[in-house]
Amino acid sequence: MSEGVRISEHTESPECDLDVPPEQRPRHVAIIMDGNGRWAEGRGLTRTEGHVAGTDAARTAIETCGRLGIEALTLYSFSTENWKRPPDEVAALMDLVLQMLPLEYETMMENGVRFRMIGEREGLPADVLSEIETAEAKTKGNTRLSLNIAMNYGARQEIINAARTLAEQVAAGTIDPTDIDESKLDDALWTAGLPDAGPRGALCRRVRPGRSPRRAGRRAGRRSGGSGGY
């Protein structure tokens, strides 16, 4: 997303958002799936049950973006820092991916949703990565909404990977160092090909189950979702 991403301070329901004129809607919405475990603990539930409930919030966001005609939705679901969580919680999150993705194939195909993962693929369990790649292959021809799940994602790691990619291209002689500009850097990022916000701006929200979106605790830069946990 482009510089100057706006952080929403609104607490409207998705139904209220439907009243926003098309020319004022962002092209790309980013949501940090925040606080699922804390939400569950506050209700006497397990953290795993909180993550399951978080998938309902994500589904609502996907359906709303589809109705609004928004081009891209990025859900920051698992950061590089999340590996520090208890092993049983990490395992439950990975199992959730394995359980939920196959259930959503038909819905994604019917609604023209293209699924893709952004983040470091190395380090993910083999069965989880296989399921992700299957979803990407099945939906690659869809064009209505680009649904991007940020897993094993860290903003710093994304920049490091992009720098390595550009350095390899320079070493191979395919580009000259003086050719490196914003466009070349953008093409080397995990988010390559996603729309910039353009004049309409972009929207970044933190969402937890059963709660209205709340203001994010920091202003987003070019990318939402840093190396911290979600």
C-alpha atoms as a PDB file:
ATOM      1  CA  MET A   1       0.000   0.000   0.000  1.00  0.00           C
ATOM      2  CA  SER A   2       1.133   3.530  -0.586  1.00  0.00           C
ATOM      3  CA  GLU A   3       2.647   6.022   1.840  1.00  0.00           C
ATOM      4  CA  GLY A   4       0.315   7.721   4.283  1.00  0.00           C
ATOM      5  CA  VAL A   5      -1.999   4.825   5.032  1.00  0.00           C
ATOM      6  CA  ARG A   6      -4.966   6.103   7.009  1.00  0.00           C
ATOM      7  CA  ILE A   7      -5.867   4.431  10.283  1.00  0.00           C
ATOM      8  CA  SER A   8      -9.609   4.163  10.710  1.00  0.00           C
ATOM      9  CA  GLU A   9     -11.114   5.564  13.889  1.00  0.00           C
ATOM     10  CA  HIS A  10     -14.618   4.511  12.912  1.00  0.00           C
ATOM     11  CA  THR A  11     -16.698   1.930  14.755  1.00  0.00           C
ATOM     12  CA  GLU A  12     -19.379   1.422  12.157  1.00  0.00           C
ATOM     13  CA  SER A  13     -20.745  -2.003  11.397  1.00  0.00           C
ATOM     14  CA  PRO A  14     -20.146  -3.505   7.934  1.00  0.00           C
ATOM     15  CA  GLU A  15     -23.722  -2.567   7.090  1.00  0.00           C
ATOM     16  CA  CYS A  16     -22.939   1.113   7.672  1.00  0.00           C
ATOM     17  CA  ASP A  17     -19.871   0.857   5.446  1.00  0.00           C
ATOM     18  CA  LEU A  18     -22.137  -0.076   2.527  1.00  0.00           C
ATOM     19  CA  ASP A  19     -23.270   3.565   2.421  1.00  0.00           C
ATOM     20  CA  VAL A  20     -19.781   4.788   1.486  1.00  0.00           C
ATOM     21  CA  PRO A  21     -19.772   6.119  -2.113  1.00  0.00           C
ATOM     22  CA  PRO A  22     -17.643   3.995  -4.478  1.00  0.00           C
ATOM     23  CA  GLU A  23     -15.234   6.846  -5.194  1.00  0.00           C
ATOM     24  CA  GLN A  24     -14.431   7.109  -1.462  1.00  0.00           C
ATOM     25  CA  ARG A  25     -13.772   3.426  -0.877  1.00  0.00           C
ATOM     26  CA  PRO A  26     -10.161   2.222  -0.543  1.00  0.00           C
ATOM     27  CA  ARG A  27      -8.773  -0.160  -3.130  1.00  0.00           C
ATOM     28  CA  HIS A  28      -6.852  -2.158  -0.543  1.00  0.00           C
ATOM     29  CA  VAL A  29      -7.914  -2.868   3.038  1.00  0.00           C
ATOM     30  CA  ALA A  30      -5.499  -4.334   5.608  1.00  0.00           C
ATOM     31  CA  ILE A  31      -6.699  -5.869   8.874  1.00  0.00           C
ATOM     32  CA  ILE A  32      -4.551  -6.973  11.800  1.00  0.00           C
ATOM     33  CA  MET A  33      -6.320  -9.919  13.417  1.00  0.00           C
ATOM     34  CA  ASP A  34      -5.567  -8.834  16.948  1.00  0.00           C
ATOM     35  CA  GLY A  35      -6.521 -10.099  20.403  1.00  0.00           C
ATOM     36  CA  ASN A  36      -8.324 -13.354  19.646  1.00  0.00           C
ATOM     37  CA  GLY A  37      -6.680 -15.115  22.591  1.00  0.00           C
ATOM     38  CA  ARG A  38      -7.321 -12.267  25.033  1.00  0.00           C
ATOM     39  CA  TRP A  39     -10.920 -12.023  23.833  1.00  0.00           C
ATOM     40  CA  ALA A  40     -11.413 -15.721  24.603  1.00  0.00           C
ATOM     41  CA  GLU A  41      -9.726 -15.595  28.007  1.00  0.00           C
ATOM     42  CA  GLY A  42     -11.984 -12.726  29.018  1.00  0.00           C
ATOM     43  CA  ARG A  43     -14.978 -14.987  28.360  1.00  0.00           C
ATOM     44  CA  GLY A  44     -13.679 -18.104  30.027  1.00  0.00           C
ATOM     45  CA  LEU A  45     -12.828 -19.754  26.714  1.00  0.00           C
ATOM     46  CA  THR A  46      -9.581 -21.259  25.513  1.00  0.00           C
ATOM     47  CA  ARG A  47      -7.271 -19.215  23.304  1.00  0.00           C
ATOM     48  CA  THR A  48      -7.864 -21.757  20.541  1.00  0.00           C
ATOM     49  CA  GLU A  49     -11.604 -21.056  20.709  1.00  0.00           C
ATOM     50  CA  GLY A  50     -10.756 -17.379  20.334  1.00  0.00           C
ATOM     51  CA  HIS A  51      -8.822 -18.054  17.143  1.00  0.00           C
ATOM     52  CA  VAL A  52     -11.727 -20.089  15.776  1.00  0.00           C
ATOM     53  CA  ALA A  53     -14.048 -17.162  16.515  1.00  0.00           C
ATOM     54  CA  GLY A  54     -11.566 -14.906  14.734  1.00  0.00           C
ATOM     55  CA  THR A  55     -12.204 -16.794  11.509  1.00  0.00           C
ATOM     56  CA  ASP A  56     -15.837 -15.614  11.682  1.00  0.00           C
ATOM     57  CA  ALA A  57     -14.645 -11.997  11.895  1.00  0.00           C
ATOM     58  CA  ALA A  58     -12.367 -12.630   8.933  1.00  0.00           C
ATOM     59  CA  ARG A  59     -15.217 -14.126   6.922  1.00  0.00           C
ATOM     60  CA  THR A  60     -17.347 -11.049   7.627  1.00  0.00           C
ATOM     61  CA  ALA A  61     -14.519  -8.817   6.397  1.00  0.00           C
ATOM     62  CA  ILE A  62     -14.128 -10.875   3.213  1.00  0.00           C
ATOM     63  CA  GLU A  63     -17.854 -10.801   2.459  1.00  0.00           C
ATOM     64  CA  THR A  64     -18.057  -7.053   3.122  1.00  0.00           C
ATOM     65  CA  CYS A  65     -15.083  -6.281   0.869  1.00  0.00           C
ATOM     66  CA  GLY A  66     -16.719  -8.363  -1.845  1.00  0.00           C
ATOM     67  CA  ARG A  67     -19.963  -6.402  -1.563  1.00  0.00           C
ATOM     68  CA  LEU A  68     -18.097  -3.080  -1.598  1.00  0.00           C
ATOM     69  CA  GLY A  69     -16.085  -3.971  -4.689  1.00  0.00           C
ATOM     70  CA  ILE A  70     -12.759  -3.538  -2.878  1.00  0.00           C
ATOM     71  CA  GLU A  71      -9.930  -5.015  -4.926  1.00  0.00           C
ATOM     72  CA  ALA A  72      -7.675  -6.409  -2.192  1.00  0.00           C
ATOM     73  CA  LEU A  73      -7.980  -7.485   1.428  1.00  0.00           C
ATOM     74  CA  THR A  74      -4.917  -8.390   3.474  1.00  0.00           C
ATOM     75  CA  LEU A  75      -5.366 -10.218   6.786  1.00  0.00           C
ATOM     76  CA  TYR A  76      -2.325 -10.163   9.059  1.00  0.00           C
ATOM     77  CA  SER A  77      -2.875 -13.449  10.865  1.00  0.00           C
ATOM     78  CA  PHE A  78       0.475 -14.867  12.018  1.00  0.00           C
ATOM     79  CA  SER A  79       3.640 -12.821  12.434  1.00  0.00           C
ATOM     80  CA  THR A  80       7.196 -14.059  12.746  1.00  0.00           C
ATOM     81  CA  GLU A  81       6.980 -13.205  16.452  1.00  0.00           C
ATOM     82  CA  ASN A  82       4.024 -15.559  16.919  1.00  0.00           C
ATOM     83  CA  TRP A  83       6.365 -18.560  16.887  1.00  0.00           C
ATOM     84  CA  LYS A  84       7.224 -17.524  20.479  1.00  0.00           C
ATOM     85  CA  ARG A  85       3.715 -18.441  21.623  1.00  0.00           C
ATOM     86  CA  PRO A  86       3.123 -21.739  23.476  1.00  0.00           C
ATOM     87  CA  PRO A  87       3.698 -24.705  21.128  1.00  0.00           C
ATOM     88  CA  ASP A  88       0.158 -26.020  21.594  1.00  0.00           C
ATOM     89  CA  GLU A  89      -1.300 -22.660  20.563  1.00  0.00           C
ATOM     90  CA  VAL A  90       0.925 -22.485  17.476  1.00  0.00           C
ATOM     91  CA  ALA A  91      -0.076 -26.041  16.563  1.00  0.00           C
ATOM     92  CA  ALA A  92      -3.750 -25.146  16.974  1.00  0.00           C
ATOM     93  CA  LEU A  93      -3.342 -22.144  14.654  1.00  0.00           C
ATOM     94  CA  MET A  94      -1.694 -24.299  12.008  1.00  0.00           C
ATOM     95  CA  ASP A  95      -4.437 -26.922  12.367  1.00  0.00           C
ATOM     96  CA  LEU A  96      -6.993 -24.166  11.878  1.00  0.00           C
ATOM     97  CA  VAL A  97      -5.462 -23.355   8.487  1.00  0.00           C
ATOM     98  CA  LEU A  98      -5.661 -27.027   7.512  1.00  0.00           C
ATOM     99  CA  GLN A  99      -9.291 -27.268   8.605  1.00  0.00           C
ATOM    100  CA  MET A 100     -10.631 -23.979   7.266  1.00  0.00           C
ATOM    101  CA  LEU A 101      -9.044 -23.597   3.829  1.00  0.00           C
ATOM    102  CA  PRO A 102     -10.651 -26.672   2.218  1.00  0.00           C
ATOM    103  CA  LEU A 103     -14.039 -25.555   3.548  1.00  0.00           C
ATOM    104  CA  GLU A 104     -13.703 -22.188   1.817  1.00  0.00           C
ATOM    105  CA  TYR A 105     -12.730 -23.345  -1.700  1.00  0.00           C
ATOM    106  CA  GLU A 106     -16.282 -23.416  -3.034  1.00  0.00           C
ATOM    107  CA  THR A 107     -17.130 -20.017  -1.561  1.00  0.00           C
ATOM    108  CA  MET A 108     -13.945 -18.459  -2.951  1.00  0.00           C
ATOM    109  CA  MET A 109     -14.638 -19.843  -6.411  1.00  0.00           C
ATOM    110  CA  GLU A 110     -18.278 -18.717  -6.409  1.00  0.00           C
ATOM    111  CA  ASN A 111     -17.319 -15.191  -5.352  1.00  0.00           C
ATOM    112  CA  GLY A 112     -14.251 -14.722  -7.545  1.00  0.00           C
ATOM    113  CA  VAL A 113     -11.792 -14.586  -4.640  1.00  0.00           C
ATOM    114  CA  ARG A 114      -8.125 -15.157  -5.396  1.00  0.00           C
ATOM    115  CA  PHE A 115      -6.211 -16.497  -2.394  1.00  0.00           C
ATOM    116  CA  ARG A 116      -2.536 -15.840  -1.853  1.00  0.00           C
ATOM    117  CA  MET A 117      -0.118 -15.943   1.033  1.00  0.00           C
ATOM    118  CA  ILE A 118       2.387 -13.216   1.793  1.00  0.00           C
ATOM    119  CA  GLY A 119       5.221 -14.020   4.155  1.00  0.00           C
ATOM    120  CA  GLU A 120       8.178 -16.364   4.544  1.00  0.00           C
ATOM    121  CA  ARG A 121       7.212 -19.835   3.331  1.00  0.00           C
ATOM    122  CA  GLU A 122      10.305 -21.474   4.704  1.00  0.00           C
ATOM    123  CA  GLY A 123       9.616 -22.640   8.235  1.00  0.00           C
ATOM    124  CA  LEU A 124       5.910 -23.358   7.799  1.00  0.00           C
ATOM    125  CA  PRO A 125       4.827 -26.984   8.344  1.00  0.00           C
ATOM    126  CA  ALA A 126       4.866 -28.913   5.071  1.00  0.00           C
ATOM    127  CA  ASP A 127       1.170 -29.841   5.232  1.00  0.00           C
ATOM    128  CA  VAL A 128       0.153 -26.234   5.926  1.00  0.00           C
ATOM    129  CA  LEU A 129       2.272 -24.928   3.044  1.00  0.00           C
ATOM    130  CA  SER A 130       0.814 -27.601   0.740  1.00  0.00           C
ATOM    131  CA  GLU A 131      -2.743 -26.552   1.628  1.00  0.00           C
ATOM    132  CA  ILE A 132      -1.882 -22.901   1.048  1.00  0.00           C
ATOM    133  CA  GLU A 133      -0.340 -23.637  -2.341  1.00  0.00           C
ATOM    134  CA  THR A 134      -3.373 -25.738  -3.301  1.00  0.00           C
ATOM    135  CA  ALA A 135      -5.659 -22.809  -2.474  1.00  0.00           C
ATOM    136  CA  GLU A 136      -3.460 -20.454  -4.498  1.00  0.00           C
ATOM    137  CA  ALA A 137      -3.521 -22.792  -7.498  1.00  0.00           C
ATOM    138  CA  LYS A 138      -7.287 -23.379  -7.349  1.00  0.00           C
ATOM    139  CA  THR A 139      -8.131 -19.670  -7.177  1.00  0.00           C
ATOM    140  CA  LYS A 140      -5.408 -18.079  -9.325  1.00  0.00           C
ATOM    141  CA  GLY A 141      -7.848 -17.293 -12.142  1.00  0.00           C
ATOM    142  CA  ASN A 142     -10.264 -15.361  -9.913  1.00  0.00           C
ATOM    143  CA  THR A 143     -10.238 -11.582 -10.258  1.00  0.00           C
ATOM    144  CA  ARG A 144     -12.992 -10.067  -8.124  1.00  0.00           C
ATOM    145  CA  LEU A 145     -11.123  -9.871  -4.790  1.00  0.00           C
ATOM    146  CA  SER A 146      -7.505 -10.598  -3.930  1.00  0.00           C
ATOM    147  CA  LEU A 147      -7.460 -12.176  -0.455  1.00  0.00           C
ATOM    148  CA  ASN A 148      -3.970 -12.081   1.021  1.00  0.00           C
ATOM    149  CA  ILE A 149      -3.179 -13.950   4.209  1.00  0.00           C
ATOM    150  CA  ALA A 150      -0.008 -12.749   5.909  1.00  0.00           C
ATOM    151  CA  MET A 151       1.558 -15.777   7.607  1.00  0.00           C
ATOM    152  CA  ASN A 152       5.045 -16.006   9.043  1.00  0.00           C
ATOM    153  CA  TYR A 153       5.179 -12.356   8.093  1.00  0.00           C
ATOM    154  CA  GLY A 154       7.476  -9.592   9.311  1.00  0.00           C
ATOM    155  CA  ALA A 155       7.843  -6.221   7.620  1.00  0.00           C
ATOM    156  CA  ARG A 156      11.592  -6.149   8.203  1.00  0.00           C
ATOM    157  CA  GLN A 157      11.980  -9.634   6.783  1.00  0.00           C
ATOM    158  CA  GLU A 158       9.996  -8.577   3.715  1.00  0.00           C
ATOM    159  CA  ILE A 159      12.404  -5.688   3.116  1.00  0.00           C
ATOM    160  CA  ILE A 160      15.438  -7.944   3.677  1.00  0.00           C
ATOM    161  CA  ASN A 161      14.107 -10.481   1.170  1.00  0.00           C
ATOM    162  CA  ALA A 162      13.433  -7.730  -1.372  1.00  0.00           C
ATOM    163  CA  ALA A 163      16.964  -6.356  -0.925  1.00  0.00           C
ATOM    164  CA  ARG A 164      18.421  -9.834  -1.449  1.00  0.00           C
ATOM    165  CA  THR A 165      16.340 -10.332  -4.581  1.00  0.00           C
ATOM    166  CA  LEU A 166      17.541  -7.052  -6.054  1.00  0.00           C
ATOM    167  CA  ALA A 167      21.150  -7.816  -5.053  1.00  0.00           C
ATOM    168  CA  GLU A 168      20.929 -11.197  -6.809  1.00  0.00           C
ATOM    169  CA  GLN A 169      19.590  -9.502  -9.949  1.00  0.00           C
ATOM    170  CA  VAL A 170      22.483  -7.022  -9.886  1.00  0.00           C
ATOM    171  CA  ALA A 171      25.004  -9.835  -9.366  1.00  0.00           C
ATOM    172  CA  ALA A 172      23.493 -11.767 -12.273  1.00  0.00           C
ATOM    173  CA  GLY A 173      23.731  -8.698 -14.497  1.00  0.00           C
ATOM    174  CA  THR A 174      19.980  -8.553 -15.196  1.00  0.00           C
ATOM    175  CA  ILE A 175      19.702  -5.059 -13.728  1.00  0.00           C
ATOM    176  CA  ASP A 176      22.100  -2.219 -13.010  1.00  0.00           C
ATOM    177  CA  PRO A 177      22.239  -0.740  -9.489  1.00  0.00           C
ATOM    178  CA  THR A 178      21.166   2.578 -10.955  1.00  0.00           C
ATOM    179  CA  ASP A 179      18.000   0.902 -12.257  1.00  0.00           C
ATOM    180  CA  ILE A 180      16.728   0.263  -8.728  1.00  0.00           C
ATOM    181  CA  ASP A 181      13.825   2.575  -7.968  1.00  0.00           C
ATOM    182  CA  GLU A 182      10.527   2.432  -6.124  1.00  0.00           C
ATOM    183  CA  SER A 183       8.950   0.327  -8.858  1.00  0.00           C
ATOM    184  CA  LYS A 184      11.757  -2.257  -8.791  1.00  0.00           C
ATOM    185  CA  LEU A 185      11.570  -2.454  -5.000  1.00  0.00           C
ATOM    186  CA  ASP A 186       7.801  -2.823  -5.114  1.00  0.00           C
ATOM    187  CA  ASP A 187       8.135  -5.717  -7.578  1.00  0.00           C
ATOM    188  CA  ALA A 188      10.518  -7.502  -5.200  1.00  0.00           C
ATOM    189  CA  LEU A 189       8.180  -7.353  -2.205  1.00  0.00           C
ATOM    190  CA  TRP A 190       5.826 -10.172  -1.205  1.00  0.00           C
ATOM    191  CA  THR A 191       2.945  -7.813  -1.991  1.00  0.00           C
ATOM    192  CA  ALA A 192       4.001  -7.325  -5.618  1.00  0.00           C
ATOM    193  CA  GLY A 193       1.007  -6.932  -7.894  1.00  0.00           C
ATOM    194  CA  LEU A 194      -1.388  -5.699  -5.220  1.00  0.00           C
ATOM    195  CA  PRO A 195      -3.009  -2.314  -5.809  1.00  0.00           C
ATOM    196  CA  ASP A 196      -1.664   0.774  -4.166  1.00  0.00           C
ATOM    197  CA  ALA A 197      -4.210   2.894  -2.398  1.00  0.00           C
ATOM    198  CA  GLY A 198      -4.057   5.700  -4.934  1.00  0.00           C
ATOM    199  CA  PRO A 199      -5.997   8.907  -4.257  1.00  0.00           C
ATOM    200  CA  ARG A 200      -8.608   7.128  -2.174  1.00  0.00           C
ATOM    201  CA  GLY A 201      -6.211   6.090   0.568  1.00  0.00           C
ATOM    202  CA  ALA A 202      -6.033   2.731   2.260  1.00  0.00           C
ATOM    203  CA  LEU A 203      -7.623   1.450   5.424  1.00  0.00           C
ATOM    204  CA  CYS A 204      -5.836  -0.385   8.209  1.00  0.00           C
ATOM    205  CA  ARG A 205      -7.783  -1.849  11.125  1.00  0.00           C
ATOM    206  CA  ARG A 206      -7.261  -4.099  14.094  1.00  0.00           C
ATOM    207  CA  VAL A 207     -10.128  -6.540  14.544  1.00  0.00           C
ATOM    208  CA  ARG A 208     -10.970  -9.006  17.282  1.00  0.00           C
ATOM    209  CA  PRO A 209     -13.969 -11.365  17.571  1.00  0.00           C
ATOM    210  CA  GLY A 210     -17.250  -9.782  18.568  1.00  0.00           C
ATOM    211  CA  ARG A 211     -15.833  -6.248  18.648  1.00  0.00           C
ATOM    212  CA  SER A 212     -16.013  -3.246  16.363  1.00  0.00           C
ATOM    213  CA  PRO A 213     -12.727  -2.420  14.658  1.00  0.00           C
ATOM    214  CA  ARG A 214     -10.516  -0.303  16.894  1.00  0.00           C
ATOM    215  CA  ARG A 215      -7.819   2.151  16.038  1.00  0.00           C
ATOM    216  CA  ALA A 216      -4.421   0.594  15.513  1.00  0.00           C
ATOM    217  CA  GLY A 217      -1.844   1.557  18.076  1.00  0.00           C
ATOM    218  CA  ARG A 218       0.568   3.067  15.552  1.00  0.00           C
ATOM    219  CA  ARG A 219       0.470   4.763  12.225  1.00  0.00           C
ATOM    220  CA  ALA A 220       1.047   2.369   9.367  1.00  0.00           C
ATOM    221  CA  GLY A 221       3.770   2.995   6.835  1.00  0.00           C
ATOM    222  CA  ARG A 222       4.029   1.422   3.438  1.00  0.00           C
ATOM    223  CA  ARG A 223       3.061  -1.950   4.899  1.00  0.00           C
ATOM    224  CA  SER A 224       0.893  -2.801   7.858  1.00  0.00           C
ATOM    225  CA  GLY A 225       1.956  -5.565  10.207  1.00  0.00           C
ATOM    226  CA  GLY A 226       5.472  -5.389  11.556  1.00  0.00           C
ATOM    227  CA  SER A 227       7.524  -8.012  13.281  1.00  0.00           C
ATOM    228  CA  GLY A 228       5.350  -7.918  16.384  1.00  0.00           C
ATOM    229  CA  GLY A 229       2.695 -10.428  17.289  1.00  0.00           C
ATOM    230  CA  TYR A 230      -0.905 -10.106  16.199  1.00  0.00           C
END
